[in-house]
Structures are given as C-alpha cells and as structure tokens.
Protein backbone atom coordinates (compact mmCIF):
# COMPACT_ATOMS: atom_id res chain seq x y z
CA MET A 1 -64.42 72.12 -89.59
CA THR A 2 -63.08 75.57 -89.13
CA ALA A 3 -60.03 76.37 -87.10
CA ARG A 4 -60.53 77.77 -83.70
CA PRO A 5 -59.25 81.24 -83.07
CA GLN A 6 -55.88 81.44 -81.41
CA ASN A 7 -55.50 82.76 -77.92
CA ARG A 8 -53.65 85.95 -78.20
CA VAL A 9 -52.47 85.82 -74.61
CA PHE A 10 -51.07 82.25 -74.34
CA GLY A 11 -50.31 81.58 -77.97
CA LYS A 12 -51.49 78.62 -79.99
CA GLN A 13 -53.79 76.31 -78.04
CA GLN A 14 -53.26 72.52 -78.28
CA ARG A 15 -55.95 70.73 -80.05
CA HIS A 16 -57.43 67.54 -78.66
CA HIS A 17 -58.41 64.59 -80.80
CA THR A 18 -62.06 63.71 -80.78
CA ILE A 19 -63.46 60.32 -81.63
CA ILE A 20 -66.99 60.40 -83.04
CA LEU A 21 -69.14 57.31 -82.98
CA ALA A 22 -72.35 57.37 -85.05
CA SER A 23 -74.97 54.67 -84.95
CA GLY A 24 -78.13 55.50 -86.76
CA ASP A 25 -79.51 58.72 -85.44
CA SER A 26 -77.28 58.47 -82.31
CA VAL A 27 -74.00 60.28 -82.49
CA ARG A 28 -71.41 60.08 -79.70
CA HIS A 29 -68.02 61.60 -79.39
CA MET A 30 -65.12 61.23 -76.98
CA THR A 31 -62.22 63.53 -76.62
CA VAL A 32 -58.85 61.74 -76.41
CA ARG A 33 -56.63 63.52 -74.01
CA PRO A 34 -52.83 63.05 -73.80
CA TRP A 35 -52.82 61.20 -70.48
CA MET A 36 -55.29 58.73 -71.86
CA ALA A 37 -52.98 58.03 -74.76
CA ALA A 38 -50.03 57.59 -72.38
CA LEU A 39 -52.03 55.20 -70.25
CA ALA A 40 -52.99 53.19 -73.25
CA VAL A 41 -49.35 52.96 -74.35
CA CYS A 42 -48.32 51.81 -70.85
CA LEU A 43 -50.94 49.12 -70.76
CA VAL A 44 -49.87 47.88 -74.16
CA GLY A 45 -46.23 47.83 -73.01
CA ILE A 46 -47.06 45.96 -69.81
CA LEU A 47 -49.08 43.41 -71.71
CA SER A 48 -46.25 42.96 -74.18
CA ILE A 49 -43.67 42.47 -71.43
CA GLY A 50 -45.94 40.05 -69.60
CA TYR A 51 -46.48 38.11 -72.79
CA LEU A 52 -42.75 37.96 -73.40
CA LEU A 53 -42.03 36.84 -69.84
CA ALA A 54 -44.71 34.20 -69.94
CA THR A 55 -43.40 32.95 -73.23
CA SER A 56 -39.81 32.89 -71.89
CA TYR A 57 -40.90 31.02 -68.75
CA LEU A 58 -42.72 28.43 -70.79
CA VAL A 59 -39.69 28.03 -72.99
CA LEU A 60 -37.07 27.98 -70.15
CA ARG A 61 -39.12 26.32 -67.38
CA ASP A 62 -37.54 22.89 -67.71
CA ASP A 63 -34.04 24.32 -67.60
CA LEU A 64 -34.81 26.42 -64.49
CA ILE A 65 -36.42 23.50 -62.70
CA GLY A 66 -33.45 21.27 -63.58
CA ALA A 67 -30.93 23.86 -62.34
CA THR A 68 -32.85 24.33 -59.09
CA MET A 69 -33.05 20.62 -58.49
CA ALA A 70 -29.36 20.21 -59.23
CA ARG A 71 -28.52 23.01 -56.77
CA GLN A 72 -30.68 21.43 -54.11
CA ALA A 73 -29.06 18.06 -54.77
CA ARG A 74 -25.60 19.61 -54.41
CA MET A 75 -26.61 21.27 -51.15
CA GLN A 76 -28.06 17.98 -49.92
CA TYR A 77 -24.89 16.11 -50.82
CA ASP A 78 -22.77 18.74 -49.07
CA TYR A 79 -24.84 18.49 -45.91
CA GLU A 80 -24.77 14.71 -46.05
CA ASP A 81 -21.00 14.77 -46.43
CA ARG A 82 -20.68 17.10 -43.46
CA ILE A 83 -23.05 15.01 -41.40
CA ALA A 84 -21.10 11.87 -42.31
CA ALA A 85 -17.83 13.58 -41.38
CA LEU A 86 -19.27 14.73 -38.06
CA ARG A 87 -20.67 11.28 -37.42
CA ALA A 88 -17.30 9.70 -38.15
CA GLN A 89 -15.57 12.20 -35.88
CA VAL A 90 -18.07 11.53 -33.10
CA ASP A 91 -17.53 7.80 -33.57
CA ARG A 92 -13.77 8.27 -33.36
CA VAL A 93 -14.03 10.41 -30.25
CA THR A 94 -16.48 7.98 -28.66
CA SER A 95 -14.29 5.02 -29.55
CA ARG A 96 -11.26 6.81 -28.15
CA GLN A 97 -13.13 7.62 -24.97
CA LEU A 98 -14.27 4.02 -24.59
CA LEU A 99 -10.72 2.85 -25.22
CA ASP A 100 -9.40 5.38 -22.71
CA GLN A 101 -12.00 4.25 -20.20
CA GLN A 102 -11.00 0.63 -20.73
CA VAL A 103 -7.32 1.51 -20.31
CA VAL A 104 -8.07 3.48 -17.15
CA GLU A 105 -10.16 0.64 -15.73
CA GLU A 106 -7.39 -1.83 -16.46
CA LYS A 107 -4.85 0.39 -14.74
CA VAL A 108 -7.17 0.97 -11.80
CA ASP A 109 -7.70 -2.78 -11.48
CA LYS A 110 -3.96 -3.30 -11.60
CA LEU A 111 -3.36 -0.65 -8.94
CA ILE A 112 -6.11 -2.06 -6.74
CA GLU A 113 -4.56 -5.50 -7.13
CA GLN A 114 -1.19 -4.08 -6.10
CA GLN A 115 -2.83 -2.29 -3.18
CA GLN A 116 -4.55 -5.48 -2.05
CA GLN A 117 -1.29 -7.34 -2.40
CA LEU A 118 0.48 -4.72 -0.28
CA SER A 119 -2.36 -4.88 2.26
CA SER A 120 -2.10 -8.66 2.53
CA ARG A 121 1.65 -8.34 2.80
CA GLY A 122 1.16 -5.66 5.44
CA GLY A 123 -0.71 -8.10 7.69
CA LYS A 124 2.08 -10.66 7.45
CA LEU A 125 4.71 -7.97 7.82
CA ASN A 126 3.00 -6.58 10.93
CA ALA A 127 3.15 -9.99 12.56
CA LEU A 128 6.84 -10.35 11.69
CA LEU A 129 7.59 -6.83 12.92
CA ASP A 130 5.82 -7.58 16.19
CA ARG A 131 7.94 -10.67 16.59
CA ALA A 132 11.07 -8.72 15.71
CA GLU A 133 10.10 -6.03 18.21
CA SER A 134 9.57 -8.59 20.96
CA SER A 135 13.03 -9.92 20.14
CA GLY A 136 14.53 -6.45 20.52
CA LEU A 137 15.30 -5.94 16.83
CA THR A 138 13.05 -2.93 16.25
CA ASP A 139 10.86 -0.44 18.06
CA LYS A 140 7.40 1.07 17.68
CA ASN A 141 8.59 3.96 15.52
CA THR A 142 10.25 1.66 13.01
CA HIS A 143 7.16 -0.49 13.05
CA ALA A 144 4.93 2.48 12.30
CA ASP A 145 7.16 3.76 9.55
CA ALA A 146 7.32 0.38 7.84
CA THR A 147 3.57 0.19 7.55
CA ALA A 148 2.71 3.87 7.15
CA PRO A 149 -0.54 4.43 5.23
CA VAL A 150 -1.16 6.72 2.28
CA GLY A 151 -0.35 10.36 2.69
CA LYS A 152 2.17 10.08 5.56
CA ASN A 153 5.22 10.17 3.31
CA GLU A 154 6.14 10.64 -0.30
CA HIS A 155 6.22 6.91 -0.91
CA ALA A 156 2.50 6.50 -0.28
CA GLN A 157 0.46 3.47 -1.21
CA LEU A 158 -3.18 3.27 -2.24
CA THR A 159 -5.55 2.24 0.49
CA ALA A 160 -8.84 2.18 -1.45
CA PRO A 161 -10.30 2.60 -4.94
CA LYS A 162 -11.68 6.00 -3.84
CA THR A 163 -8.12 7.23 -3.55
CA ILE A 164 -7.54 6.41 -7.21
CA GLU A 165 -10.78 8.11 -8.23
CA LYS A 166 -9.75 11.17 -6.27
CA LEU A 167 -6.44 11.24 -8.09
CA LEU A 168 -8.24 11.02 -11.43
CA SER A 169 -10.79 13.74 -10.70
CA GLY A 170 -8.37 16.62 -10.87
CA GLY A 171 -8.86 17.55 -14.56
CA LYS A 172 -11.57 18.12 -17.11
CA PRO A 173 -12.61 15.00 -19.03
CA ALA A 174 -12.49 14.87 -22.79
CA ASP A 175 -15.60 15.99 -24.68
CA VAL A 176 -17.56 13.38 -26.58
CA ALA A 177 -18.18 15.68 -29.55
CA PRO A 178 -16.49 18.86 -30.82
CA ASP A 179 -17.90 22.29 -30.15
CA ASN A 180 -21.08 23.11 -32.11
CA SER A 181 -19.58 26.36 -33.36
CA THR A 182 -17.35 24.56 -35.85
CA LEU A 183 -17.55 21.55 -38.09
CA ALA A 184 -13.83 21.33 -38.69
CA TYR A 185 -11.52 18.93 -36.89
CA VAL A 186 -10.12 20.40 -33.70
CA PRO A 187 -7.22 19.16 -31.58
CA ALA A 188 -8.57 16.79 -28.91
CA PRO A 189 -8.13 17.99 -25.34
CA GLU A 190 -6.24 15.93 -22.77
CA THR A 191 -8.07 12.68 -22.23
CA VAL A 192 -8.57 10.74 -19.03
CA ALA A 193 -6.03 8.16 -20.18
CA ASP A 194 -3.41 10.84 -20.82
CA ARG A 195 -3.96 12.32 -17.41
CA ALA A 196 -4.18 8.90 -15.81
CA ASP A 197 -0.85 7.87 -17.35
CA ARG A 198 0.90 10.55 -15.33
CA VAL A 199 -1.02 9.76 -12.16
CA PHE A 200 -0.57 6.02 -12.50
CA SER A 201 3.13 6.34 -13.21
CA LYS A 202 3.58 8.32 -9.99
CA VAL A 203 1.42 5.93 -7.98
CA THR A 204 3.15 2.87 -9.43
CA LEU A 205 6.54 4.39 -8.64
CA SER A 206 5.36 5.09 -5.10
CA LEU A 207 4.16 1.52 -4.72
CA LYS A 208 7.50 0.25 -5.97
CA HIS A 209 9.29 2.50 -3.48
CA ILE A 210 7.07 1.20 -0.67
CA GLU A 211 7.78 -2.38 -1.67
CA GLN A 212 11.50 -1.66 -1.96
CA ASP A 213 11.53 0.02 1.45
CA GLN A 214 9.74 -2.96 2.94
CA LEU A 215 12.15 -5.38 1.27
CA THR A 216 15.10 -3.38 2.59
CA ARG A 217 13.70 -3.40 6.12
CA ILE A 218 12.91 -7.09 5.93
CA ARG A 219 16.41 -7.90 4.72
CA ASN A 220 17.95 -5.71 7.41
CA LEU A 221 15.82 -7.39 10.06
CA THR A 222 16.75 -10.81 8.67
CA ALA A 223 20.44 -9.93 8.81
CA ASP A 224 20.07 -8.51 12.34
CA ALA A 225 18.14 -11.57 13.51
CA SER A 226 20.70 -13.94 12.03
CA GLY A 227 23.58 -11.92 13.47
CA THR A 228 21.96 -11.76 16.93
CA THR A 229 21.25 -15.49 16.82
CA ASN A 230 24.85 -16.25 15.92
CA GLU A 231 26.14 -14.00 18.71
CA ILE A 232 23.87 -15.61 21.30
CA GLN A 233 24.82 -19.08 20.09
CA ALA A 234 28.51 -18.23 20.29
CA ILE A 235 28.14 -16.95 23.88
CA MET A 236 26.16 -20.02 24.90
CA HIS A 237 28.62 -22.38 23.20
CA ASN A 238 31.40 -20.86 25.30
CA VAL A 239 29.69 -22.19 28.43
CA GLY A 240 28.95 -25.57 26.88
CA VAL A 241 25.28 -25.06 26.09
CA LYS A 242 24.34 -26.59 22.75
CA VAL A 243 21.71 -24.92 20.62
CA PRO A 244 20.54 -26.44 17.31
CA ASP A 245 21.79 -24.46 14.32
CA GLU A 246 18.64 -25.03 12.31
CA VAL A 247 15.03 -24.87 13.38
CA ALA A 248 13.28 -28.20 13.23
CA SER A 249 10.44 -28.22 10.76
CA SER A 250 7.41 -30.43 10.36
CA GLU A 251 9.15 -32.27 7.54
CA ASP A 252 11.74 -33.51 10.07
CA ASN A 253 9.12 -35.50 11.96
CA ASP A 254 8.77 -39.22 11.47
CA GLY A 255 5.30 -38.85 9.93
CA GLY A 256 4.83 -40.22 6.44
CA VAL A 257 5.38 -37.78 3.58
CA GLY A 258 5.71 -38.24 -0.16
CA GLY A 259 4.29 -37.50 -3.60
CA PRO A 260 5.50 -36.97 -7.16
CA TYR A 261 8.12 -34.34 -7.83
CA VAL A 262 6.74 -31.12 -9.28
CA ALA A 263 8.86 -28.12 -10.11
CA PRO A 264 8.30 -25.31 -7.59
CA GLU A 265 6.17 -22.34 -8.53
CA ASN A 266 7.73 -18.96 -9.09
CA VAL A 267 8.38 -17.59 -5.63
CA ASP A 268 7.72 -13.90 -5.19
CA GLN A 269 10.75 -11.97 -4.03
CA PHE A 270 8.80 -10.32 -1.25
CA GLU A 271 7.30 -13.62 -0.09
CA GLN A 272 10.73 -15.24 -0.12
CA SER A 273 12.15 -12.37 1.92
CA MET A 274 9.37 -12.69 4.49
CA ALA A 275 9.94 -16.45 4.62
CA ASP A 276 13.64 -15.83 5.25
CA LEU A 277 12.77 -13.32 7.99
CA ASP A 278 10.32 -15.77 9.53
CA THR A 279 13.01 -18.46 9.60
CA ALA A 280 15.56 -16.06 11.08
CA LEU A 281 13.10 -14.88 13.75
CA THR A 282 12.16 -18.47 14.59
CA ARG A 283 15.84 -19.32 15.07
CA LEU A 284 16.31 -16.22 17.18
CA GLU A 285 13.23 -16.99 19.28
CA THR A 286 14.43 -20.56 19.78
CA VAL A 287 17.89 -19.46 20.87
CA ARG A 288 16.46 -16.59 22.90
CA GLY A 289 13.98 -18.89 24.60
CA THR A 290 16.75 -21.35 25.39
CA ALA A 291 18.86 -18.58 26.91
CA GLU A 292 15.95 -17.24 28.97
CA ASN A 293 15.28 -20.72 30.37
CA LEU A 294 18.87 -21.21 31.53
CA PRO A 295 20.52 -19.74 34.66
CA PHE A 296 22.41 -16.86 33.06
CA ARG A 297 21.21 -14.36 35.71
CA ASN A 298 23.08 -13.33 38.83
CA PRO A 299 21.44 -14.86 41.94
CA ALA A 300 22.84 -12.08 44.12
CA PRO A 301 23.23 -8.86 42.11
CA GLY A 302 25.41 -6.39 43.99
CA LYS A 303 26.36 -8.95 46.62
CA LEU A 304 29.93 -9.66 47.74
CA ILE A 305 31.46 -12.97 46.64
CA THR A 306 32.89 -14.58 49.76
CA SER A 307 34.27 -17.70 48.08
CA PRO A 308 34.64 -18.43 44.34
CA PHE A 309 34.38 -21.73 42.51
CA GLY A 310 37.42 -24.03 42.49
CA ASN A 311 39.99 -25.56 44.78
CA ARG A 312 40.31 -23.87 48.18
CA LYS A 313 41.29 -24.57 51.75
CA ASP A 314 38.41 -26.35 53.43
CA PRO A 315 37.11 -24.14 56.29
CA PHE A 316 36.56 -27.16 58.56
CA PHE A 317 39.41 -29.58 57.75
CA GLY A 318 41.98 -27.04 56.61
CA THR A 319 42.95 -29.19 53.61
CA LEU A 320 42.64 -28.48 49.91
CA ALA A 321 39.14 -29.23 48.61
CA LEU A 322 37.01 -28.44 45.59
CA HIS A 323 34.41 -25.75 46.15
CA THR A 324 31.66 -26.72 43.72
CA GLY A 325 29.87 -23.38 43.75
CA THR A 326 30.15 -19.68 44.48
CA ASP A 327 29.35 -18.18 47.89
CA PHE A 328 27.55 -14.83 48.10
CA HIS A 329 27.15 -12.78 51.25
CA PHE A 330 23.54 -12.59 52.42
CA SER A 331 21.86 -11.29 55.52
CA PRO A 332 19.86 -13.74 57.66
CA GLY A 333 16.33 -14.22 56.34
CA GLU A 334 17.02 -12.48 53.03
CA LYS A 335 15.06 -13.91 50.07
CA ILE A 336 16.74 -16.34 47.68
CA LYS A 337 15.39 -16.15 44.12
CA ALA A 338 15.58 -18.61 41.21
CA THR A 339 17.86 -17.52 38.38
CA ALA A 340 15.79 -19.28 35.68
CA PRO A 341 12.48 -21.11 35.35
CA GLY A 342 12.39 -24.80 36.06
CA LYS A 343 11.10 -27.66 38.18
CA ILE A 344 12.03 -28.33 41.81
CA VAL A 345 13.79 -31.73 42.01
CA SER A 346 15.13 -31.40 45.54
CA ALA A 347 13.93 -29.32 48.51
CA GLY A 348 15.04 -29.84 52.13
CA TRP A 349 17.97 -31.01 54.18
CA THR A 350 20.79 -32.37 51.98
CA GLY A 351 23.93 -33.24 53.99
CA GLY A 352 26.60 -30.56 53.91
CA TYR A 353 24.32 -28.24 51.91
CA GLY A 354 21.99 -27.94 54.84
CA ASN A 355 18.60 -26.78 53.63
CA MET A 356 19.02 -26.91 49.85
CA VAL A 357 16.84 -26.44 46.79
CA GLU A 358 17.76 -27.85 43.38
CA ILE A 359 16.01 -26.66 40.19
CA ASP A 360 16.12 -28.54 36.90
CA HIS A 361 16.16 -26.05 33.98
CA GLY A 362 16.28 -28.58 31.16
CA ASP A 363 19.02 -29.37 28.63
CA GLY A 364 20.94 -31.06 31.50
CA ILE A 365 21.36 -27.75 33.37
CA SER A 366 20.40 -27.42 37.05
CA THR A 367 21.11 -24.99 39.90
CA ARG A 368 21.48 -25.53 43.63
CA TYR A 369 20.83 -23.06 46.46
CA GLY A 370 22.37 -24.19 49.77
CA HIS A 371 22.63 -23.32 53.49
CA MET A 372 19.17 -21.74 53.55
CA GLU A 373 17.45 -21.04 56.81
CA GLN A 374 14.06 -22.02 55.41
CA VAL A 375 12.87 -23.74 52.23
CA LEU A 376 9.70 -22.24 50.71
CA VAL A 377 9.11 -24.75 47.88
CA LYS A 378 8.60 -28.46 47.60
CA VAL A 379 9.61 -31.14 45.12
CA GLY A 380 7.58 -31.02 41.92
CA ASP A 381 6.81 -27.30 42.07
CA LYS A 382 7.41 -25.23 38.97
CA VAL A 383 9.04 -21.90 39.52
CA GLY A 384 9.71 -18.92 37.29
CA THR A 385 12.60 -16.55 37.05
CA GLY A 386 12.81 -14.44 40.21
CA ASP A 387 10.49 -16.65 42.29
CA VAL A 388 11.52 -16.94 45.95
CA VAL A 389 12.64 -20.48 46.84
CA GLY A 390 13.84 -19.89 50.40
CA LEU A 391 15.43 -17.60 52.97
CA ALA A 392 19.15 -17.15 53.49
CA GLY A 393 20.73 -18.78 56.51
CA SER A 394 23.71 -20.81 57.73
CA THR A 395 22.75 -24.48 57.78
CA GLY A 396 24.93 -27.52 56.99
CA ARG A 397 28.68 -27.03 56.56
CA SER A 398 28.62 -23.27 56.88
CA THR A 399 30.56 -20.76 58.92
CA GLY A 400 28.05 -17.93 58.51
CA THR A 401 24.98 -16.68 56.69
CA HIS A 402 25.53 -16.83 52.95
CA LEU A 403 24.19 -18.40 49.74
CA HIS A 404 26.01 -21.34 48.22
CA TYR A 405 25.06 -21.21 44.53
CA GLU A 406 25.90 -24.02 42.11
CA VAL A 407 25.37 -24.58 38.40
CA ARG A 408 25.55 -28.19 37.21
CA GLU A 409 25.66 -29.54 33.68
CA ASN A 410 24.65 -33.20 33.38
CA GLY A 411 25.36 -33.60 37.10
CA HIS A 412 28.86 -32.08 36.99
CA PRO A 413 29.49 -28.74 38.74
CA ILE A 414 30.81 -25.88 36.62
CA ASP A 415 31.84 -22.38 37.58
CA PRO A 416 28.65 -20.30 37.99
CA MET A 417 30.55 -17.21 36.95
CA TYR A 418 30.77 -18.62 33.41
CA PHE A 419 27.01 -18.43 33.24
CA ILE A 420 26.79 -15.10 35.07
CA ASN A 421 29.39 -13.48 32.79
CA ALA A 422 27.71 -14.98 29.73
CA GLY A 423 24.42 -13.55 31.01
CA THR A 424 25.99 -10.10 31.21
CA LYS A 425 26.94 -10.39 27.55
CA LEU A 426 23.55 -11.82 26.59
CA ALA A 427 21.79 -8.94 28.35
CA GLY A 428 22.79 -6.79 25.37
CA TYR A 429 20.76 -9.07 23.10
CA ILE A 430 17.99 -10.23 25.46
CA GLN A 431 16.19 -7.64 27.56
CA GLY A 432 15.79 -8.43 31.26
CA LEU A 433 18.35 -11.21 31.25
CA GLY A 434 20.85 -9.41 33.46
CA ALA A 435 18.77 -9.26 36.65
CA ILE A 436 16.15 -11.19 38.60
C-alpha cells in the first residue's frame, strides 16, 4: 500500500483503520472509525462493571439481606415498645379516670344522702317551727330563713342530684388518651376528681353550716320554750294554779310494758336536739293550754271597779262582811262575756246573786257572774272565751246595775284581781290572753 498524498491545506490527514474480510472469492472490508472504537470500549467497560456488580451482589447478598432484616426487626421492636408504652399510658389514664369517676360517684352519693337527710330533717323541723310560731316563739321570717333552699344564702344546701351535676360541669374533663402529636408522657390535666374535691369541700362545708345554723336555732328555741314555760308556771303558781313540771308520756300509763335491756343506739345530735325541742314545746303547749283555759282575762276591760274583793261594810246591813268577788260598773243590758272556756254548772236565780251564771273551767277553778238582768245560757252548755252568758242588771242583793264577778278555787272564793293581774303578765307570753 502506498501512502496517500498529504493535504497541503489542512496538513496531515488522519488515517482510518480498515478491516478486510476475505472468504473465497468474496472480499469485504470495513473501516473502523474512532467513535466506533470508543463505543466498543464503553460497552466493554459497562459489561465489566456489570459483571463485577453481579459478582459482588452474589458474594454479599446474604450479608445485605441479614442487615436489612435486622434493621426491620429493630424498627419493629421500637414500634412495639412505643405501642406498649402508649397502651400502658392509656391504661393508666383510663384506670385513673375510672377511679376518679368512682370517687366522684361516692362523693355524690354521700352528698345526696346528706341532702336527703337534711330534707327529712326539714320536714320535722318545719312542724316544730310551726308549733313554735303558734306558741309565739318565732315568726314567719325566722321560719323561712331556717329552711331556706339552695341559692338563697351562702350556706346553701343541695336540693337535687342535678344541682351536683351542675356544679361539676364547670370545667373540661380529663382526656382518656394523650394528644396524637406526641408519644411522650405529658402532665395530666385537672381531672374530675380534682375539680370535684374543691366543689365537694365547699358544698360539704355549706351543709355543715346549714346543719349548725339549724342546731343553733333549735337550741335557742328550746331554751326560749323552756324559759317561757318556767315563767308561765311561776306566774300561775303565784295564784295557786298547779301545772305539772313534766309532760306525761305513754310510758307513764298503767299499760303493760317490758322487754330485755338493750343498750341504746347512737343518737344523732340533730335528732336529740329536735327531741329536746319537741319536749320543750309540748311542755309549753301544755302550760299555755292550761293558762288559756283558766279565767286570767278581765271580764270588764276598761270598766270602773265599784267594790273590790275582801272585807267591806255591807250595803244593806251596814256591818262588816266579806265581799267574795269584785264589782264592775256596767250599763243596763250590757253583754257579760265568759273569761275562759268551760261548762255551765249553774244558770238562773241564786239567792243574793240574783240571776247568776257559774262556769266550771276545770282544775277546780270556776267563775261566777251575778246580778244579771237576763241569763242567756243554761246548765250543761259549753261556752268559749268571750261568749255572752247574760246581760248586765241589778238583781238579788244589789244597789245598782253592775257585774259581780267571782273566781273560786275548789269552792273557795279568791281575789279575782290575782287572776286578772296574772293574766296581764301572761299576755306577754300568750297572745290574746289579755282581753275577751
């Protein structure tokens, strides 16, 4: 082969390699260009790298698979640990909530029991306050204050379970599980039990204050009732009227009683106080009833006394004689009223009394109304305080129209002014006793 001439313009020209393939009479040739050589080198390099990688994978496959499985196992264990921790935390929170709910329910039950106890006491207390009011120991305002319901003052009591629920609904309840944004332990918010502790402490204190106020009022009423009873008894004793110191009970009857001795149960302080008040009110009612049934009222309020009780000069004989009653000035035909309830035991003409009415008031006490113009009742009639028994006149041993009024104890005349003056004192303890 001869060399090709050089290009005088561009210098030496690059020669290409030519591959000649001869087969028999057939001759073929192929020119190998530079890019074809580069492509062949690249292919060889890629195949070599692929071979090396495949070989490395086959050699290291077990190690890679083992490492991957170990990593997955570690991740699984980590997740399981976290799940277990979350589950334990949820269980703790749930258990705490259940415990809080149980505590709240127990406290609610206790408060409802206290409320029911106060309600039952309120019924008994209302009855006692009504009795005390009728005896003049209290008034409607005191009665209302003693049994004021919830919300009327700072010492309020519960009136229903809904009130407790309303008190407990003021805050946000505790969450069952922590927020999903974190898996760490977080401080628990205020639970129902924590909030209920404050509410229940206030309510319990209020209930105690209510009970203490009621106890104080009951004790004051008991002391007032006992003091009033003693005062009334003292006034009545001064005029010779006997009133039993103690109220007769069913055990004092002659009926058969008995049984083995058993130690008494624990008596509640409140119940004992109400029992004491009941006893004091019963004594007061007994004494008060006795006083109201006796002639402590003035038969002629505002009238002039023309002749007092005691020894005097007899208007007919002019000698000293006992005047067994008190004379009051009356106009002819003026109404004569009974000074106490009782039964008519005499009605009509009775010697020097003229037309006279005698009323038996019990306990050996009776009253006589003499010199009447007309008698308006008959023997056996029952009259009340202030009932008209006759009309004033001047019959029998009388020098003019007047009322001869007597008070007798077991048949013996006593000064009516003792009873009238005692009635004036008793009027401060018994309403309506001073007038007829």
